Amino acid sequence: MTDTVIRKTAKWIIPATALLGGMLLGQSGWLEPAANAQTAESLTPLERLLIQDDIRQKIVLYGLYADGDGPGGRPRDLRTLAYTMMTPDVVSEIHLVTGGKPLIFTGRELVANTPPEIDPELAATVGGRHYLIDTVFDEVTPTRVRTRTPAVYFDATKNLHGAKCRTMGPDACGQKPVKTVMWVYEQTWVKTPDGWQIKRNILRDDN
C-alpha cells in the first residue's frame, strides 16, 4: 500500500476502519450522566464475561466487514459496519505517525458511503486484510465499555495466473509483501437498543 493510498484511506476509512473500530483519553463529560450512574461493581462476573464476549465478536466482525470474507464469501460491506456497529453520532479520530493534528470525523455516513475500493487499480493486483490481534478491556459497565485493540494490516500481491503462475517467475503467484501497517484502536462502546455500538473510535498509527 503506497503512502498515497494510506492517506486516501485515512480520508475515508476509520479502522475502522473502517473498523475494529473508541475513547478519547483525557476527556470527560461528553457521556450522558445516566451512563456514568452505573458502575462495574453492579455487574456480576458472568455478566461482565458475556459483555466482553459480545464485544470481542463485534471487533472480529469489524475486520470482516472492512475486508470481506475472501473469494466466494461475503463481500466488503462498510455500510453494514457503520449502521450495525456505530452510533449515528460516532466520533472517529485518526492519529498519524507523521504527527500533526488528528483527522476527526463525526457521524457514520462517511464510513457507510466509502467507495467499494479506494484505489481500484491497486486493488486489482494487491489484496489486504486487517488482523485485530486481541482486546484489552479498560472499563466494563452495564452501559459503557472501553477497549484497546492492537491491529496490523498486510498488503500482498495477488495470484493472477492460477496454476500456471509457478512457471512464470518468482512473483507471479502473488504473496509478495507490499506494505504492513500497524496501529491501535481505542474504542468506547455504549449500550443502545440495537446492542453495543461504537460511540468513539480512535486509531493510533505506528508506522
Protein backbone atom coordinates (compact mmCIF):
# COMPACT_ATOMS: atom_id res chain seq x y z
CA MET A 1 0.00 0.00 0.00
CA THR A 2 1.53 3.32 -1.05
CA ASP A 3 1.59 6.44 1.13
CA THR A 4 -0.95 7.99 -1.25
CA VAL A 5 -3.35 5.10 -0.71
CA ILE A 6 -2.83 5.28 3.07
CA ARG A 7 -3.79 8.94 3.05
CA LYS A 8 -6.78 8.21 0.83
CA THR A 9 -7.75 5.53 3.29
CA ALA A 10 -7.32 7.92 6.21
CA LYS A 11 -9.67 10.31 4.46
CA TRP A 12 -12.39 7.69 4.03
CA ILE A 13 -11.90 4.79 6.46
CA ILE A 14 -11.82 4.85 10.21
CA PRO A 15 -10.07 1.01 11.12
CA ALA A 16 -12.02 1.14 11.09
CA THR A 17 -11.66 1.06 9.65
CA ALA A 18 -13.29 1.13 8.67
CA LEU A 19 -13.04 -0.69 11.58
CA LEU A 20 -12.17 -2.58 14.65
CA GLY A 21 -13.38 0.40 15.26
CA GLY A 22 -13.08 4.49 20.75
CA MET A 23 -12.31 6.51 23.60
CA LEU A 24 -10.55 9.85 23.85
CA LEU A 25 -8.02 9.74 26.69
CA GLY A 26 -8.03 12.76 28.95
CA GLN A 27 -11.53 13.94 28.04
CA SER A 28 -14.66 13.55 30.13
CA GLY A 29 -18.15 14.92 30.40
CA TRP A 30 -19.32 14.02 26.89
CA LEU A 31 -21.04 10.83 28.02
CA GLU A 32 -24.61 11.01 29.23
CA PRO A 33 -24.96 11.16 33.05
CA ALA A 34 -27.16 8.05 33.01
CA ALA A 35 -24.29 6.07 31.53
CA ASN A 36 -21.98 7.18 34.34
CA ALA A 37 -24.51 6.28 37.02
CA GLN A 38 -23.94 2.52 36.68
CA THR A 39 -20.51 1.19 37.55
CA ALA A 40 -18.56 -2.01 37.00
CA GLU A 41 -19.41 -3.07 40.55
CA SER A 42 -23.05 -3.54 39.54
CA LEU A 43 -22.08 -6.37 37.16
CA THR A 44 -21.73 -9.99 38.18
CA PRO A 45 -18.62 -11.83 36.88
CA LEU A 46 -20.83 -13.73 34.41
CA GLU A 47 -22.46 -10.53 33.13
CA ARG A 48 -19.03 -9.00 32.63
CA LEU A 49 -17.80 -12.03 30.67
CA LEU A 50 -20.91 -12.02 28.47
CA ILE A 51 -20.42 -8.33 27.62
CA GLN A 52 -16.74 -8.90 26.81
CA ASP A 53 -17.56 -11.89 24.59
CA ASP A 54 -20.23 -9.89 22.73
CA ILE A 55 -17.83 -7.03 22.02
CA ARG A 56 -14.97 -9.35 21.01
CA GLN A 57 -17.29 -10.87 18.40
CA LYS A 58 -18.13 -7.40 17.11
CA ILE A 59 -14.44 -6.45 16.85
CA VAL A 60 -13.81 -9.54 14.68
CA LEU A 61 -16.83 -8.60 12.55
CA TYR A 62 -15.39 -5.09 12.21
CA GLY A 63 -12.42 -6.52 10.32
CA LEU A 64 -14.55 -8.86 8.20
CA TYR A 65 -16.93 -6.05 7.21
CA ALA A 66 -13.90 -3.90 6.29
CA ASP A 67 -12.23 -6.57 4.11
CA GLY A 68 -14.88 -9.12 3.19
CA ASP A 69 -14.67 -12.90 3.71
CA GLY A 70 -12.46 -13.60 0.70
CA PRO A 71 -13.23 -15.35 -2.62
CA GLY A 72 -16.69 -16.95 -2.59
CA GLY A 73 -17.60 -15.33 0.75
CA ARG A 74 -19.39 -12.19 1.80
CA PRO A 75 -18.08 -9.01 0.14
CA ARG A 76 -16.70 -5.96 1.88
CA ASP A 77 -19.63 -4.12 3.49
CA LEU A 78 -18.83 -0.80 5.13
CA ARG A 79 -22.47 0.30 5.16
CA THR A 80 -23.44 -2.61 7.38
CA LEU A 81 -20.36 -1.95 9.51
CA ALA A 82 -21.42 1.65 10.01
CA TYR A 83 -25.11 1.04 10.71
CA THR A 84 -24.80 -2.01 12.95
CA MET A 85 -21.62 -1.17 14.86
CA MET A 86 -21.57 2.63 15.22
CA THR A 87 -23.89 5.16 16.82
CA PRO A 88 -25.31 7.84 14.49
CA ASP A 89 -23.13 10.49 16.21
CA VAL A 90 -19.93 8.41 16.40
CA VAL A 91 -16.75 10.48 16.58
CA SER A 92 -13.77 8.98 14.74
CA GLU A 93 -10.22 10.20 15.14
CA ILE A 94 -7.03 9.19 13.28
CA HIS A 95 -3.58 9.97 14.70
CA LEU A 96 -0.88 9.54 12.03
CA VAL A 97 2.70 8.66 12.93
CA THR A 98 3.84 11.73 10.98
CA GLY A 99 2.30 13.90 13.70
CA GLY A 100 0.21 17.00 13.31
CA LYS A 101 -3.43 17.44 14.20
CA PRO A 102 -5.52 14.25 14.16
CA LEU A 103 -8.12 13.72 11.45
CA ILE A 104 -11.55 13.92 13.10
CA PHE A 105 -14.86 12.83 11.58
CA THR A 106 -18.35 12.89 13.07
CA GLY A 107 -21.18 10.55 12.14
CA ARG A 108 -21.29 7.15 10.48
CA GLU A 109 -22.29 8.33 6.99
CA LEU A 110 -18.66 8.83 5.92
CA VAL A 111 -17.95 5.16 6.64
CA ALA A 112 -21.23 3.99 5.08
CA ASN A 113 -20.59 5.95 1.87
CA THR A 114 -16.96 4.91 1.38
CA PRO A 115 -16.41 3.60 -2.19
CA PRO A 116 -16.02 -0.21 -2.52
CA GLU A 117 -12.37 0.33 -3.50
CA ILE A 118 -10.33 3.37 -2.52
CA ASP A 119 -7.87 2.67 -5.35
CA PRO A 120 -9.44 0.23 -7.90
CA GLU A 121 -6.25 -0.04 -9.96
CA LEU A 122 -4.22 -1.13 -6.95
CA ALA A 123 -6.99 -3.43 -5.69
CA ALA A 124 -6.85 -5.39 -8.96
CA THR A 125 -3.34 -6.60 -8.19
CA VAL A 126 -2.94 -6.24 -4.42
CA GLY A 127 -5.03 -7.72 -1.63
CA GLY A 128 -5.06 -6.80 2.04
CA ARG A 129 -6.58 -7.80 5.36
CA HIS A 130 -6.90 -6.40 8.88
CA TYR A 131 -5.73 -8.60 11.74
CA LEU A 132 -7.16 -7.50 15.08
CA ILE A 133 -4.85 -9.25 17.48
CA ASP A 134 -6.54 -9.17 20.89
CA THR A 135 -8.53 -6.78 23.03
CA VAL A 136 -7.89 -5.22 26.43
CA PHE A 137 -10.97 -4.09 28.36
CA ASP A 138 -10.14 -0.90 30.26
CA GLU A 139 -13.69 -0.39 31.55
CA VAL A 140 -16.80 -2.58 31.59
CA THR A 141 -20.09 -1.24 32.98
CA PRO A 142 -23.72 -2.08 32.12
CA THR A 143 -23.89 0.87 29.70
CA ARG A 144 -20.33 1.69 28.62
CA VAL A 145 -17.22 -0.31 27.68
CA ARG A 146 -13.77 1.00 26.73
CA THR A 147 -11.35 -1.19 24.77
CA ARG A 148 -7.91 -1.13 23.15
CA THR A 149 -7.10 -3.48 20.27
CA PRO A 150 -3.67 -3.73 18.57
CA ALA A 151 -4.02 -4.30 14.84
CA VAL A 152 -1.92 -4.88 11.74
CA TYR A 153 -2.86 -4.64 8.08
CA PHE A 154 -0.99 -6.69 5.48
CA ASP A 155 -0.90 -5.99 1.74
CA ALA A 156 0.41 -8.62 -0.68
CA THR A 157 0.28 -9.12 -4.43
CA LYS A 158 -2.48 -11.37 -5.78
CA ASN A 159 -2.07 -14.57 -7.76
CA LEU A 160 -3.49 -13.52 -11.13
CA HIS A 161 -2.29 -16.51 -13.16
CA GLY A 162 -3.76 -19.58 -11.45
CA ALA A 163 -1.85 -22.86 -11.58
CA LYS A 164 0.38 -21.55 -14.38
CA CYS A 165 1.99 -18.99 -12.10
CA ARG A 166 4.80 -21.34 -10.97
CA THR A 167 6.22 -21.37 -14.50
CA MET A 168 6.09 -17.60 -14.85
CA GLY A 169 8.66 -16.35 -12.38
CA PRO A 170 9.04 -15.96 -8.61
CA ASP A 171 6.47 -13.17 -8.18
CA ALA A 172 3.73 -14.46 -10.49
CA CYS A 173 1.97 -16.49 -7.78
CA GLY A 174 1.33 -13.45 -5.63
CA GLN A 175 2.12 -13.27 -1.92
CA LYS A 176 4.87 -10.69 -2.43
CA PRO A 177 4.66 -8.26 0.54
CA VAL A 178 3.73 -4.71 -0.37
CA LYS A 179 3.03 -2.90 2.89
CA THR A 180 2.45 -3.60 6.56
CA VAL A 181 0.62 -1.03 8.66
CA MET A 182 0.36 -1.18 12.47
CA TRP A 183 -1.91 0.72 14.84
CA VAL A 184 -4.06 0.52 17.97
CA TYR A 185 -7.83 1.03 18.05
CA GLU A 186 -9.16 2.79 21.16
CA GLN A 187 -12.91 2.40 21.22
CA THR A 188 -15.75 3.43 23.50
CA TRP A 189 -18.85 1.23 23.21
CA VAL A 190 -22.27 2.19 24.53
CA LYS A 191 -25.35 0.04 25.05
CA THR A 192 -28.14 1.00 22.63
CA PRO A 193 -31.49 -0.55 21.67
CA ASP A 194 -29.55 -2.17 18.79
CA GLY A 195 -26.90 -3.64 21.08
CA TRP A 196 -23.35 -2.49 21.75
CA GLN A 197 -22.18 0.19 19.33
CA ILE A 198 -19.05 2.34 18.97
CA LYS A 199 -19.51 5.93 20.11
CA ARG A 200 -15.87 6.98 19.87
CA ASN A 201 -13.33 5.36 17.57
CA ILE A 202 -9.66 6.34 17.75
CA LEU A 203 -6.90 4.95 15.54
CA ARG A 204 -3.28 5.49 16.58
CA ASP A 205 -0.95 4.76 13.67
CA ASP A 206 2.50 3.26 14.43
CA ASN A 207 4.15 3.45 11.01
